[in-house]
Protein backbone atom coordinates (compact mmCIF):
# COMPACT_ATOMS: atom_id res chain seq x y z
CA MET A 1 19.27 -4.09 -4.31
CA ALA A 2 19.01 -0.22 -3.06
CA ARG A 3 15.22 1.54 -2.57
CA GLU A 4 15.04 4.73 -4.76
CA LEU A 5 11.87 6.81 -3.53
CA ASP A 6 9.95 7.92 -5.92
CA TYR A 7 6.09 9.16 -5.90
CA ARG A 8 2.64 8.86 -8.20
CA TRP A 9 0.56 12.00 -8.64
CA HIS A 10 -3.32 11.34 -8.17
CA LEU A 11 -4.46 15.23 -9.07
CA ARG A 12 -6.55 14.27 -11.86
CA GLN A 13 -8.43 11.16 -10.63
CA VAL A 14 -8.93 13.09 -7.15
CA MET A 15 -10.91 16.03 -9.47
CA ALA A 16 -12.26 13.69 -11.05
CA ALA A 17 -13.69 11.88 -7.87
CA ARG A 18 -15.14 15.40 -6.97
CA GLY A 19 -16.40 15.96 -10.41
CA MET A 20 -13.89 18.29 -11.60
CA PHE A 21 -12.99 17.19 -14.93
CA ALA A 22 -11.55 20.30 -16.71
CA THR A 23 -7.96 21.85 -15.20
CA THR A 24 -10.00 25.41 -15.62
CA ASP A 25 -11.70 24.50 -12.74
CA LEU A 26 -9.45 24.73 -10.59
CA SER A 27 -8.51 28.51 -11.40
CA ALA A 28 -11.02 30.27 -9.19
CA PRO A 29 -10.70 28.23 -6.38
CA LEU A 30 -6.62 28.16 -6.30
CA ALA A 31 -7.23 32.47 -6.41
CA GLU A 32 -10.08 32.32 -3.84
CA ARG A 33 -7.30 30.85 -1.53
CA GLY A 34 -4.67 33.83 -2.88
CA ILE A 35 -3.16 31.22 -5.37
CA ARG A 36 -2.45 33.01 -8.60
CA LEU A 37 -1.64 30.61 -11.66
CA SER A 38 -1.83 30.86 -15.15
CA SER A 39 -3.81 28.36 -17.20
CA SER A 40 -0.82 26.48 -18.49
CA GLN A 41 0.51 26.22 -15.11
CA VAL A 42 -2.73 24.88 -13.78
CA TYR A 43 -2.80 22.66 -17.00
CA ARG A 44 0.88 21.46 -16.21
CA LEU A 45 -0.44 20.76 -12.52
CA VAL A 46 -2.98 18.50 -12.91
CA VAL A 47 -1.78 16.51 -16.15
CA GLU A 48 1.82 16.22 -15.44
CA ARG A 49 3.77 15.07 -12.00
CA PRO A 50 5.25 18.11 -10.35
CA GLU A 51 8.53 17.93 -9.71
CA ARG A 52 8.50 21.14 -7.39
CA LEU A 53 5.34 22.03 -5.34
CA SER A 54 5.05 24.97 -3.36
CA LEU A 55 3.50 24.10 -0.02
CA LYS A 56 0.90 26.76 -0.26
CA VAL A 57 -0.41 25.45 -3.48
CA LEU A 58 -0.01 21.66 -1.70
CA VAL A 59 -2.43 23.28 1.26
CA ALA A 60 -4.81 25.09 -1.48
CA LEU A 61 -5.09 21.58 -3.36
CA LEU A 62 -6.01 19.52 -0.30
CA ASP A 63 -8.18 22.50 1.10
CA ILE A 64 -10.27 22.77 -2.61
CA LEU A 65 -10.53 18.94 -2.96
CA ASP A 66 -11.14 17.68 0.52
CA CYS A 67 -8.49 15.18 0.27
CA SER A 68 -5.83 14.01 2.50
CA MET A 69 -2.06 14.16 1.35
CA SER A 70 -1.68 10.40 1.18
CA GLU A 71 -4.91 10.51 -1.45
CA LEU A 72 -3.10 13.18 -3.37
CA ILE A 73 0.71 11.70 -3.22
CA GLU A 74 1.23 7.93 -3.16
CA PRO A 75 4.98 7.40 -2.58
CA VAL A 76 6.58 4.68 -3.93
CA ALA A 77 10.02 2.58 -3.58
CA VAL A 78 11.65 1.46 -6.48
CA ALA A 79 14.36 -1.38 -6.43
CA ARG A 80 17.35 -0.31 -8.32
CA PRO A 81 20.36 -2.55 -8.54
CA VAL A 82 23.36 -1.16 -6.56
CA VAL A 83 26.62 -0.16 -8.20
CA GLY A 84 29.14 -0.79 -6.09
CA SER A 85 33.03 -1.33 -5.62
CA LYS A 86 33.76 -5.06 -6.64
CA ALA A 87 34.76 -7.56 -4.22
CA VAL A 88 38.59 -8.71 -3.44
CA GLY A 89 39.41 -11.37 -5.99
CA GLY A 90 37.32 -11.34 -8.70
CA GLY A 91 34.32 -9.82 -9.58
CA GLU A 92 32.60 -8.35 -12.41
CA VAL A 93 34.65 -5.49 -14.57
CA GLY A 94 33.33 -2.25 -14.90
CA VAL A 95 33.71 -0.17 -17.91
CA GLY A 96 35.98 2.56 -15.61
CA ASP A 97 38.07 -0.54 -14.81
CA LEU A 98 39.38 -0.97 -18.72
CA ARG A 99 42.45 0.92 -19.55
CA PRO A 100 44.15 0.09 -22.92
CA LYS A 101 47.23 -1.50 -22.99
CA ARG A 102 50.59 0.24 -23.53
CA ALA A 103 52.24 -0.20 -26.88
CA ARG A 104 55.59 -2.32 -26.65
CA ILE A 105 58.68 -1.11 -28.72
CA THR A 106 61.03 -4.46 -29.48
CA ALA A 107 63.83 -3.86 -31.06
CA THR A 108 64.15 -5.88 -34.53
CA GLU A 109 66.61 -5.46 -37.79
CA SER A 110 66.68 -2.45 -39.14
CA PRO A 111 64.35 -2.03 -42.25
CA ARG A 112 66.00 -2.48 -45.55
CA PRO A 113 65.21 0.61 -47.85
CA ARG A 114 63.47 0.66 -50.61
CA GLY A 115 64.36 -0.51 -53.91
CA GLU A 116 66.75 -2.80 -52.70
CA GLY A 117 65.86 -6.57 -53.14
């Protein structure tokens, strides 16, 4: 099994622990630190797990919430089955190994014309 790295985003929980329950509670503190985000961007930052995050925004969040990165981001390793080459002399057949068989044309008697009995 190969390990795939992933993460959990705990911004909402950290905010709640600091008494910040509305997503708009972050707008003014972010603006004070030079980070100008729209209300929808702040909402997505809090509610969804960000795929990309500016380091300036991350550092501002750590400063605003007075927390460490490990409180905000939890690394998680997910086990995934390894899809690799099959062993010599056997093993599982993958979809890519399946090929259609070529049709064989064999010589037979010529067909009788219609109407002949």
